[in-house]
All heavy atoms as atom14 arrays in JSON, in Angstrom:
{
  "sequence": "TRLHEGHSVDACAAQVAMSRRTFTRQFQQHTGQALGDWLLHARLQQ",
  "atom14_mask": [
    [1, 1, 1, 1, 1, 1, 1, 0, 0, 0, 0, 0, 0, 0],
    [1, 1, 1, 1, 1, 1, 1, 1, 1, 1, 1, 0, 0, 0],
    [1, 1, 1, 1, 1, 1, 1, 1, 0, 0, 0, 0, 0, 0],
    [1, 1, 1, 1, 1, 1, 1, 1, 1, 1, 0, 0, 0, 0],
    [1, 1, 1, 1, 1, 1, 1, 1, 1, 0, 0, 0, 0, 0],
    [1, 1, 1, 1, 0, 0, 0, 0, 0, 0, 0, 0, 0, 0],
    [1, 1, 1, 1, 1, 1, 1, 1, 1, 1, 0, 0, 0, 0],
    [1, 1, 1, 1, 1, 1, 0, 0, 0, 0, 0, 0, 0, 0],
    [1, 1, 1, 1, 1, 1, 1, 0, 0, 0, 0, 0, 0, 0],
    [1, 1, 1, 1, 1, 1, 1, 1, 0, 0, 0, 0, 0, 0],
    [1, 1, 1, 1, 1, 0, 0, 0, 0, 0, 0, 0, 0, 0],
    [1, 1, 1, 1, 1, 1, 0, 0, 0, 0, 0, 0, 0, 0],
    [1, 1, 1, 1, 1, 0, 0, 0, 0, 0, 0, 0, 0, 0],
    [1, 1, 1, 1, 1, 0, 0, 0, 0, 0, 0, 0, 0, 0],
    [1, 1, 1, 1, 1, 1, 1, 1, 1, 0, 0, 0, 0, 0],
    [1, 1, 1, 1, 1, 1, 1, 0, 0, 0, 0, 0, 0, 0],
    [1, 1, 1, 1, 1, 0, 0, 0, 0, 0, 0, 0, 0, 0],
    [1, 1, 1, 1, 1, 1, 1, 1, 0, 0, 0, 0, 0, 0],
    [1, 1, 1, 1, 1, 1, 0, 0, 0, 0, 0, 0, 0, 0],
    [1, 1, 1, 1, 1, 1, 1, 1, 1, 1, 1, 0, 0, 0],
    [1, 1, 1, 1, 1, 1, 1, 1, 1, 1, 1, 0, 0, 0],
    [1, 1, 1, 1, 1, 1, 1, 0, 0, 0, 0, 0, 0, 0],
    [1, 1, 1, 1, 1, 1, 1, 1, 1, 1, 1, 0, 0, 0],
    [1, 1, 1, 1, 1, 1, 1, 0, 0, 0, 0, 0, 0, 0],
    [1, 1, 1, 1, 1, 1, 1, 1, 1, 1, 1, 0, 0, 0],
    [1, 1, 1, 1, 1, 1, 1, 1, 1, 0, 0, 0, 0, 0],
    [1, 1, 1, 1, 1, 1, 1, 1, 1, 1, 1, 0, 0, 0],
    [1, 1, 1, 1, 1, 1, 1, 1, 1, 0, 0, 0, 0, 0],
    [1, 1, 1, 1, 1, 1, 1, 1, 1, 0, 0, 0, 0, 0],
    [1, 1, 1, 1, 1, 1, 1, 1, 1, 1, 0, 0, 0, 0],
    [1, 1, 1, 1, 1, 1, 1, 0, 0, 0, 0, 0, 0, 0],
    [1, 1, 1, 1, 0, 0, 0, 0, 0, 0, 0, 0, 0, 0],
    [1, 1, 1, 1, 1, 1, 1, 1, 1, 0, 0, 0, 0, 0],
    [1, 1, 1, 1, 1, 0, 0, 0, 0, 0, 0, 0, 0, 0],
    [1, 1, 1, 1, 1, 1, 1, 1, 0, 0, 0, 0, 0, 0],
    [1, 1, 1, 1, 0, 0, 0, 0, 0, 0, 0, 0, 0, 0],
    [1, 1, 1, 1, 1, 1, 1, 1, 0, 0, 0, 0, 0, 0],
    [1, 1, 1, 1, 1, 1, 1, 1, 1, 1, 1, 1, 1, 1],
    [1, 1, 1, 1, 1, 1, 1, 1, 0, 0, 0, 0, 0, 0],
    [1, 1, 1, 1, 1, 1, 1, 1, 0, 0, 0, 0, 0, 0],
    [1, 1, 1, 1, 1, 1, 1, 1, 1, 1, 0, 0, 0, 0],
    [1, 1, 1, 1, 1, 0, 0, 0, 0, 0, 0, 0, 0, 0],
    [1, 1, 1, 1, 1, 1, 1, 1, 1, 1, 1, 0, 0, 0],
    [1, 1, 1, 1, 1, 1, 1, 1, 0, 0, 0, 0, 0, 0],
    [1, 1, 1, 1, 1, 1, 1, 1, 1, 0, 0, 0, 0, 0],
    [1, 1, 1, 1, 1, 1, 1, 1, 1, 0, 0, 0, 0, 0]
  ],
  "atom14_positions": [
    [[7.94, 1.76, 3.2], [6.71, 1.36, 3.9], [5.63, 0.88, 2.93], [4.58, 0.4, 3.37], [6.15, 2.53, 4.73], [5.77, 3.6, 3.84], [7.18, 3.03, 5.73], [0.0, 0.0, 0.0], [0.0, 0.0, 0.0], [0.0, 0.0, 0.0], [0.0, 0.0, 0.0], [0.0, 0.0, 0.0], [0.0, 0.0, 0.0], [0.0, 0.0, 0.0]],
    [[5.88, 0.99, 1.62], [4.87, 0.61, 0.63], [5.47, -0.3, -0.45], [5.19, -0.17, -1.63], [4.27, 1.86, -0.02], [3.54, 2.77, 0.96], [2.89, 3.98, 0.28], [3.88, 4.87, -0.31], [4.02, 5.1, -1.61], [3.23, 4.49, -2.48], [4.93, 5.94, -2.05], [0.0, 0.0, 0.0], [0.0, 0.0, 0.0], [0.0, 0.0, 0.0]],
    [[6.3, -1.23, -0.02], [6.96, -2.11, -0.98], [5.98, -3.05, -1.67], [6.29, -3.58, -2.75], [8.06, -2.92, -0.26], [9.27, -2.12, 0.22], [10.2, -3.01, 1.04], [10.02, -1.49, -0.93], [0.0, 0.0, 0.0], [0.0, 0.0, 0.0], [0.0, 0.0, 0.0], [0.0, 0.0, 0.0], [0.0, 0.0, 0.0], [0.0, 0.0, 0.0]],
    [[4.83, -3.26, -1.07], [3.84, -4.16, -1.66], [3.16, -3.53, -2.88], [2.5, -4.23, -3.65], [2.78, -4.54, -0.63], [2.03, -3.36, -0.08], [2.59, -2.48, 0.83], [0.77, -2.89, -0.32], [1.72, -1.55, 1.14], [0.6, -1.76, 0.45], [0.0, 0.0, 0.0], [0.0, 0.0, 0.0], [0.0, 0.0, 0.0], [0.0, 0.0, 0.0]],
    [[3.31, -2.23, -3.05], [2.7, -1.54, -4.17], [3.62, -1.5, -5.38], [4.83, -1.7, -5.26], [2.32, -0.11, -3.76], [1.36, -0.02, -2.59], [1.1, 1.43, -2.18], [1.56, 2.34, -2.9], [0.45, 1.63, -1.14], [0.0, 0.0, 0.0], [0.0, 0.0, 0.0], [0.0, 0.0, 0.0], [0.0, 0.0, 0.0], [0.0, 0.0, 0.0]],
    [[3.04, -1.22, -6.54], [3.87, -1.01, -7.72], [4.36, 0.43, -7.78], [3.63, 1.36, -7.41], [0.0, 0.0, 0.0], [0.0, 0.0, 0.0], [0.0, 0.0, 0.0], [0.0, 0.0, 0.0], [0.0, 0.0, 0.0], [0.0, 0.0, 0.0], [0.0, 0.0, 0.0], [0.0, 0.0, 0.0], [0.0, 0.0, 0.0], [0.0, 0.0, 0.0]],
    [[5.61, 0.63, -8.21], [6.19, 1.98, -8.23], [6.91, 2.18, -9.55], [7.93, 1.52, -9.82], [7.16, 2.16, -7.07], [6.54, 1.96, -5.71], [5.72, 2.89, -5.13], [6.63, 0.91, -4.84], [5.32, 2.44, -3.95], [5.85, 1.25, -3.75], [0.0, 0.0, 0.0], [0.0, 0.0, 0.0], [0.0, 0.0, 0.0], [0.0, 0.0, 0.0]],
    [[6.42, 3.08, -10.35], [7.06, 3.38, -11.64], [7.97, 4.58, -11.51], [7.84, 5.39, -10.57], [6.0, 3.67, -12.71], [5.33, 4.89, -12.42], [0.0, 0.0, 0.0], [0.0, 0.0, 0.0], [0.0, 0.0, 0.0], [0.0, 0.0, 0.0], [0.0, 0.0, 0.0], [0.0, 0.0, 0.0], [0.0, 0.0, 0.0], [0.0, 0.0, 0.0]],
    [[8.89, 4.71, -12.44], [9.78, 5.86, -12.46], [8.98, 7.15, -12.6], [9.23, 8.14, -11.9], [10.81, 5.73, -13.61], [11.62, 7.01, -13.74], [11.74, 4.55, -13.36], [0.0, 0.0, 0.0], [0.0, 0.0, 0.0], [0.0, 0.0, 0.0], [0.0, 0.0, 0.0], [0.0, 0.0, 0.0], [0.0, 0.0, 0.0], [0.0, 0.0, 0.0]],
    [[7.99, 7.15, -13.47], [7.2, 8.36, -13.7], [6.44, 8.76, -12.44], [6.39, 9.96, -12.1], [6.22, 8.13, -14.85], [6.92, 8.05, -16.2], [7.99, 8.69, -16.35], [6.42, 7.34, -17.09], [0.0, 0.0, 0.0], [0.0, 0.0, 0.0], [0.0, 0.0, 0.0], [0.0, 0.0, 0.0], [0.0, 0.0, 0.0], [0.0, 0.0, 0.0]],
    [[5.84, 7.8, -11.74], [5.08, 8.12, -10.54], [5.99, 8.66, -9.44], [5.64, 9.62, -8.74], [4.33, 6.88, -10.05], [0.0, 0.0, 0.0], [0.0, 0.0, 0.0], [0.0, 0.0, 0.0], [0.0, 0.0, 0.0], [0.0, 0.0, 0.0], [0.0, 0.0, 0.0], [0.0, 0.0, 0.0], [0.0, 0.0, 0.0], [0.0, 0.0, 0.0]],
    [[7.16, 8.05, -9.29], [8.11, 8.51, -8.26], [8.65, 9.9, -8.61], [8.83, 10.75, -7.72], [9.25, 7.52, -8.11], [8.76, 5.95, -7.35], [0.0, 0.0, 0.0], [0.0, 0.0, 0.0], [0.0, 0.0, 0.0], [0.0, 0.0, 0.0], [0.0, 0.0, 0.0], [0.0, 0.0, 0.0], [0.0, 0.0, 0.0], [0.0, 0.0, 0.0]],
    [[8.91, 10.14, -9.89], [9.4, 11.45, -10.32], [8.36, 12.52, -10.03], [8.68, 13.62, -9.56], [9.75, 11.42, -11.79], [0.0, 0.0, 0.0], [0.0, 0.0, 0.0], [0.0, 0.0, 0.0], [0.0, 0.0, 0.0], [0.0, 0.0, 0.0], [0.0, 0.0, 0.0], [0.0, 0.0, 0.0], [0.0, 0.0, 0.0], [0.0, 0.0, 0.0]],
    [[7.09, 12.2, -10.29], [6.02, 13.16, -10.02], [5.89, 13.44, -8.53], [5.62, 14.57, -8.11], [4.7, 12.62, -10.57], [0.0, 0.0, 0.0], [0.0, 0.0, 0.0], [0.0, 0.0, 0.0], [0.0, 0.0, 0.0], [0.0, 0.0, 0.0], [0.0, 0.0, 0.0], [0.0, 0.0, 0.0], [0.0, 0.0, 0.0], [0.0, 0.0, 0.0]],
    [[6.11, 12.41, -7.71], [5.97, 12.57, -6.27], [6.99, 13.56, -5.7], [6.71, 14.25, -4.72], [6.12, 11.21, -5.58], [5.84, 11.23, -4.09], [5.82, 9.84, -3.49], [5.58, 8.86, -4.18], [6.07, 9.76, -2.18], [0.0, 0.0, 0.0], [0.0, 0.0, 0.0], [0.0, 0.0, 0.0], [0.0, 0.0, 0.0], [0.0, 0.0, 0.0]],
    [[8.16, 13.64, -6.32], [9.19, 14.58, -5.84], [9.32, 15.78, -6.77], [10.3, 16.53, -6.67], [10.55, 13.86, -5.7], [10.5, 12.83, -4.59], [10.98, 13.2, -7.02], [0.0, 0.0, 0.0], [0.0, 0.0, 0.0], [0.0, 0.0, 0.0], [0.0, 0.0, 0.0], [0.0, 0.0, 0.0], [0.0, 0.0, 0.0], [0.0, 0.0, 0.0]],
    [[8.35, 15.95, -7.65], [8.29, 17.13, -8.54], [9.55, 17.27, -9.39], [10.16, 18.34, -9.46], [8.05, 18.39, -7.72], [0.0, 0.0, 0.0], [0.0, 0.0, 0.0], [0.0, 0.0, 0.0], [0.0, 0.0, 0.0], [0.0, 0.0, 0.0], [0.0, 0.0, 0.0], [0.0, 0.0, 0.0], [0.0, 0.0, 0.0], [0.0, 0.0, 0.0]],
    [[9.95, 16.18, -10.03], [11.1, 16.19, -10.94], [10.69, 15.61, -12.28], [9.72, 14.86, -12.37], [12.25, 15.34, -10.38], [12.88, 15.84, -9.1], [14.24, 14.72, -8.59], [14.67, 15.45, -7.01], [0.0, 0.0, 0.0], [0.0, 0.0, 0.0], [0.0, 0.0, 0.0], [0.0, 0.0, 0.0], [0.0, 0.0, 0.0], [0.0, 0.0, 0.0]],
    [[11.43, 15.97, -13.29], [11.24, 15.32, -14.58], [11.78, 13.9, -14.49], [12.57, 13.58, -13.6], [11.98, 16.07, -15.69], [13.39, 15.95, -15.52], [0.0, 0.0, 0.0], [0.0, 0.0, 0.0], [0.0, 0.0, 0.0], [0.0, 0.0, 0.0], [0.0, 0.0, 0.0], [0.0, 0.0, 0.0], [0.0, 0.0, 0.0], [0.0, 0.0, 0.0]],
    [[11.33, 13.04, -15.39], [11.79, 11.66, -15.39], [13.31, 11.6, -15.49], [13.98, 10.84, -14.78], [11.15, 10.9, -16.56], [11.6, 9.44, -16.68], [11.06, 8.8, -17.95], [11.54, 7.43, -18.07], [10.86, 6.36, -17.69], [9.65, 6.51, -17.17], [11.36, 5.16, -17.84], [0.0, 0.0, 0.0], [0.0, 0.0, 0.0], [0.0, 0.0, 0.0]],
    [[13.89, 12.42, -16.38], [15.33, 12.39, -16.6], [16.09, 12.86, -15.36], [17.07, 12.24, -14.96], [15.67, 13.28, -17.8], [17.14, 13.3, -18.16], [17.37, 14.1, -19.42], [18.78, 14.15, -19.78], [19.26, 14.81, -20.84], [18.42, 15.47, -21.63], [20.54, 14.8, -21.1], [0.0, 0.0, 0.0], [0.0, 0.0, 0.0], [0.0, 0.0, 0.0]],
    [[15.62, 13.96, -14.75], [16.29, 14.48, -13.55], [16.17, 13.49, -12.41], [17.14, 13.24, -11.67], [15.68, 15.82, -13.14], [15.87, 16.77, -14.19], [16.34, 16.36, -11.87], [0.0, 0.0, 0.0], [0.0, 0.0, 0.0], [0.0, 0.0, 0.0], [0.0, 0.0, 0.0], [0.0, 0.0, 0.0], [0.0, 0.0, 0.0], [0.0, 0.0, 0.0]],
    [[14.97, 12.92, -12.24], [14.77, 11.95, -11.17], [15.7, 10.76, -11.34], [16.33, 10.32, -10.37], [13.32, 11.48, -11.14], [13.09, 10.32, -10.21], [12.97, 10.53, -8.85], [13.01, 9.02, -10.69], [12.78, 9.46, -7.98], [12.81, 7.95, -9.84], [12.69, 8.17, -8.48], [0.0, 0.0, 0.0], [0.0, 0.0, 0.0], [0.0, 0.0, 0.0]],
    [[15.77, 10.21, -12.54], [16.61, 9.04, -12.79], [18.06, 9.32, -12.45], [18.74, 8.51, -11.8], [16.49, 8.6, -14.26], [15.13, 8.27, -14.55], [17.37, 7.39, -14.54], [0.0, 0.0, 0.0], [0.0, 0.0, 0.0], [0.0, 0.0, 0.0], [0.0, 0.0, 0.0], [0.0, 0.0, 0.0], [0.0, 0.0, 0.0], [0.0, 0.0, 0.0]],
    [[18.54, 10.49, -12.85], [19.94, 10.84, -12.59], [20.19, 11.04, -11.09], [21.16, 10.53, -10.54], [20.3, 12.13, -13.36], [21.78, 12.52, -13.19], [22.13, 13.79, -13.92], [21.5, 14.97, -13.31], [20.48, 15.63, -13.83], [19.93, 15.24, -14.97], [19.97, 16.68, -13.22], [0.0, 0.0, 0.0], [0.0, 0.0, 0.0], [0.0, 0.0, 0.0]],
    [[19.31, 11.79, -10.43], [19.54, 12.09, -9.01], [19.31, 10.86, -8.13], [19.99, 10.69, -7.11], [18.63, 13.24, -8.57], [19.01, 14.57, -9.23], [18.51, 15.77, -8.45], [18.1, 15.66, -7.29], [18.55, 16.93, -9.09], [0.0, 0.0, 0.0], [0.0, 0.0, 0.0], [0.0, 0.0, 0.0], [0.0, 0.0, 0.0], [0.0, 0.0, 0.0]],
    [[18.38, 9.99, -8.5], [18.18, 8.76, -7.73], [19.43, 7.89, -7.8], [19.86, 7.32, -6.8], [16.97, 7.99, -8.28], [16.52, 6.86, -7.38], [15.54, 7.07, -6.43], [17.09, 5.6, -7.48], [15.12, 6.04, -5.6], [16.69, 4.57, -6.67], [15.7, 4.79, -5.71], [0.0, 0.0, 0.0], [0.0, 0.0, 0.0], [0.0, 0.0, 0.0]],
    [[20.03, 7.79, -8.98], [21.26, 7.01, -9.15], [22.39, 7.6, -8.32], [23.15, 6.88, -7.65], [21.65, 6.98, -10.63], [22.93, 6.21, -10.93], [22.76, 4.71, -10.83], [21.75, 4.18, -11.26], [23.74, 4.03, -10.27], [0.0, 0.0, 0.0], [0.0, 0.0, 0.0], [0.0, 0.0, 0.0], [0.0, 0.0, 0.0], [0.0, 0.0, 0.0]],
    [[22.51, 8.93, -8.32], [23.56, 9.59, -7.54], [23.33, 9.4, -6.05], [24.27, 9.23, -5.27], [23.6, 11.08, -7.89], [24.07, 11.4, -9.29], [23.95, 12.87, -9.63], [23.3, 13.64, -8.91], [24.58, 13.28, -10.72], [0.0, 0.0, 0.0], [0.0, 0.0, 0.0], [0.0, 0.0, 0.0], [0.0, 0.0, 0.0], [0.0, 0.0, 0.0]],
    [[22.06, 9.44, -5.64], [21.72, 9.39, -4.21], [21.85, 8.0, -3.62], [22.26, 7.84, -2.46], [20.29, 9.9, -4.04], [19.91, 10.2, -2.62], [20.65, 11.0, -1.8], [18.82, 9.8, -1.88], [20.07, 11.1, -0.61], [18.96, 10.37, -0.64], [0.0, 0.0, 0.0], [0.0, 0.0, 0.0], [0.0, 0.0, 0.0], [0.0, 0.0, 0.0]],
    [[21.51, 6.98, -4.4], [21.48, 5.61, -3.87], [22.54, 4.69, -4.48], [22.81, 3.62, -3.94], [20.12, 4.96, -4.12], [19.93, 4.77, -5.54], [18.99, 5.82, -3.58], [0.0, 0.0, 0.0], [0.0, 0.0, 0.0], [0.0, 0.0, 0.0], [0.0, 0.0, 0.0], [0.0, 0.0, 0.0], [0.0, 0.0, 0.0], [0.0, 0.0, 0.0]],
    [[23.1, 5.1, -5.63], [24.04, 4.23, -6.33], [23.35, 3.14, -7.12], [24.0, 2.23, -7.64], [0.0, 0.0, 0.0], [0.0, 0.0, 0.0], [0.0, 0.0, 0.0], [0.0, 0.0, 0.0], [0.0, 0.0, 0.0], [0.0, 0.0, 0.0], [0.0, 0.0, 0.0], [0.0, 0.0, 0.0], [0.0, 0.0, 0.0], [0.0, 0.0, 0.0]],
    [[22.02, 3.2, -7.24], [21.25, 2.17, -7.93], [20.12, 2.8, -8.75], [19.67, 3.92, -8.45], [20.61, 1.19, -6.94], [21.6, 0.39, -6.12], [20.88, -0.45, -5.08], [20.23, 0.07, -4.18], [20.99, -1.76, -5.2], [0.0, 0.0, 0.0], [0.0, 0.0, 0.0], [0.0, 0.0, 0.0], [0.0, 0.0, 0.0], [0.0, 0.0, 0.0]],
    [[19.65, 2.08, -9.76], [18.44, 2.46, -10.45], [17.25, 2.14, -9.55], [17.34, 1.32, -8.63], [18.32, 1.71, -11.78], [0.0, 0.0, 0.0], [0.0, 0.0, 0.0], [0.0, 0.0, 0.0], [0.0, 0.0, 0.0], [0.0, 0.0, 0.0], [0.0, 0.0, 0.0], [0.0, 0.0, 0.0], [0.0, 0.0, 0.0], [0.0, 0.0, 0.0]],
    [[16.1, 2.77, -9.82], [14.93, 2.56, -8.97], [14.55, 1.09, -8.88], [14.29, 0.57, -7.79], [13.74, 3.37, -9.51], [12.4, 3.15, -8.8], [12.48, 3.6, -7.35], [11.27, 3.87, -9.55], [0.0, 0.0, 0.0], [0.0, 0.0, 0.0], [0.0, 0.0, 0.0], [0.0, 0.0, 0.0], [0.0, 0.0, 0.0], [0.0, 0.0, 0.0]],
    [[14.52, 0.39, -10.0], [14.13, -1.02, -9.99], [15.06, -1.87, -9.15], [14.62, -2.75, -8.4], [0.0, 0.0, 0.0], [0.0, 0.0, 0.0], [0.0, 0.0, 0.0], [0.0, 0.0, 0.0], [0.0, 0.0, 0.0], [0.0, 0.0, 0.0], [0.0, 0.0, 0.0], [0.0, 0.0, 0.0], [0.0, 0.0, 0.0], [0.0, 0.0, 0.0]],
    [[16.37, -1.62, -9.24], [17.35, -2.38, -8.46], [17.19, -2.09, -6.97], [17.29, -3.0, -6.14], [18.77, -2.05, -8.91], [19.05, -2.53, -10.32], [18.4, -3.5, -10.75], [19.92, -1.94, -10.99], [0.0, 0.0, 0.0], [0.0, 0.0, 0.0], [0.0, 0.0, 0.0], [0.0, 0.0, 0.0], [0.0, 0.0, 0.0], [0.0, 0.0, 0.0]],
    [[16.96, -0.82, -6.64], [16.79, -0.45, -5.23], [15.55, -1.12, -4.65], [15.57, -1.66, -3.53], [16.68, 1.07, -5.09], [16.69, 1.51, -3.65], [17.76, 1.86, -2.89], [15.52, 1.62, -2.8], [17.35, 2.18, -1.62], [15.99, 2.05, -1.53], [14.17, 1.4, -2.99], [15.13, 2.26, -0.46], [13.3, 1.61, -1.91], [13.79, 2.04, -0.66]],
    [[14.45, -1.09, -5.4], [13.22, -1.71, -4.92], [13.39, -3.22, -4.72], [12.93, -3.78, -3.71], [12.09, -1.46, -5.93], [11.48, -0.05, -5.91], [10.56, 0.13, -7.11], [10.72, 0.2, -4.61], [0.0, 0.0, 0.0], [0.0, 0.0, 0.0], [0.0, 0.0, 0.0], [0.0, 0.0, 0.0], [0.0, 0.0, 0.0], [0.0, 0.0, 0.0]],
    [[14.07, -3.88, -5.65], [14.29, -5.32, -5.51], [15.12, -5.62, -4.28], [14.81, -6.55, -3.52], [14.97, -5.87, -6.77], [15.28, -7.37, -6.75], [14.0, -8.18, -6.55], [16.0, -7.79, -8.03], [0.0, 0.0, 0.0], [0.0, 0.0, 0.0], [0.0, 0.0, 0.0], [0.0, 0.0, 0.0], [0.0, 0.0, 0.0], [0.0, 0.0, 0.0]],
    [[16.17, -4.84, -4.05], [17.02, -5.05, -2.88], [16.2, -4.85, -1.6], [16.28, -5.65, -0.66], [18.21, -4.09, -2.92], [19.28, -4.43, -1.95], [20.62, -4.44, -2.27], [19.24, -4.78, -0.64], [21.34, -4.77, -1.22], [20.53, -4.97, -0.21], [0.0, 0.0, 0.0], [0.0, 0.0, 0.0], [0.0, 0.0, 0.0], [0.0, 0.0, 0.0]],
    [[15.41, -3.77, -1.55], [14.61, -3.49, -0.36], [13.57, -4.59, -0.13], [13.32, -4.99, 1.01], [13.93, -2.13, -0.52], [0.0, 0.0, 0.0], [0.0, 0.0, 0.0], [0.0, 0.0, 0.0], [0.0, 0.0, 0.0], [0.0, 0.0, 0.0], [0.0, 0.0, 0.0], [0.0, 0.0, 0.0], [0.0, 0.0, 0.0], [0.0, 0.0, 0.0]],
    [[12.96, -5.07, -1.2], [11.96, -6.13, -1.06], [12.58, -7.43, -0.57], [12.01, -8.12, 0.28], [11.26, -6.33, -2.41], [10.25, -5.24, -2.72], [9.8, -5.23, -4.15], [8.68, -4.29, -4.32], [8.37, -3.7, -5.47], [9.09, -3.94, -6.56], [7.35, -2.86, -5.53], [0.0, 0.0, 0.0], [0.0, 0.0, 0.0], [0.0, 0.0, 0.0]],
    [[13.75, -7.76, -1.08], [14.42, -8.99, -0.64], [14.87, -8.86, 0.81], [14.88, -9.85, 1.56], [15.6, -9.3, -1.56], [15.21, -9.77, -2.96], [16.46, -9.91, -3.84], [14.47, -11.1, -2.9], [0.0, 0.0, 0.0], [0.0, 0.0, 0.0], [0.0, 0.0, 0.0], [0.0, 0.0, 0.0], [0.0, 0.0, 0.0], [0.0, 0.0, 0.0]],
    [[15.25, -7.66, 1.21], [15.62, -7.46, 2.62], [14.4, -7.67, 3.51], [14.5, -8.27, 4.59], [16.19, -6.06, 2.82], [16.77, -5.83, 4.21], [17.41, -4.47, 4.32], [16.87, -3.48, 3.84], [18.56, -4.4, 4.96], [0.0, 0.0, 0.0], [0.0, 0.0, 0.0], [0.0, 0.0, 0.0], [0.0, 0.0, 0.0], [0.0, 0.0, 0.0]],
    [[13.23, -7.2, 3.06], [12.01, -7.41, 3.83], [11.63, -8.9, 3.83], [11.14, -9.41, 4.84], [10.87, -6.58, 3.26], [9.62, -6.57, 4.14], [8.55, -5.65, 3.62], [8.07, -5.82, 2.52], [8.18, -4.66, 4.43], [0.0, 0.0, 0.0], [0.0, 0.0, 0.0], [0.0, 0.0, 0.0], [0.0, 0.0, 0.0], [0.0, 0.0, 0.0]]
  ]
}
C-alpha cells in the first residue's frame, strides 16, 4: 500500500524488530526474493 515511498532494508528490519541480517535471510526465505527485487516486481505489477 506504500509502494510510492522509499523502503530500505534497515527501515524494514526495524519495522519487524529484526536485525538486518536476520531480516534479509527471512525475507528471502519467505518471498524467494531480495527486498529490492520484490519491490520492483510489486511496483511493475501496479
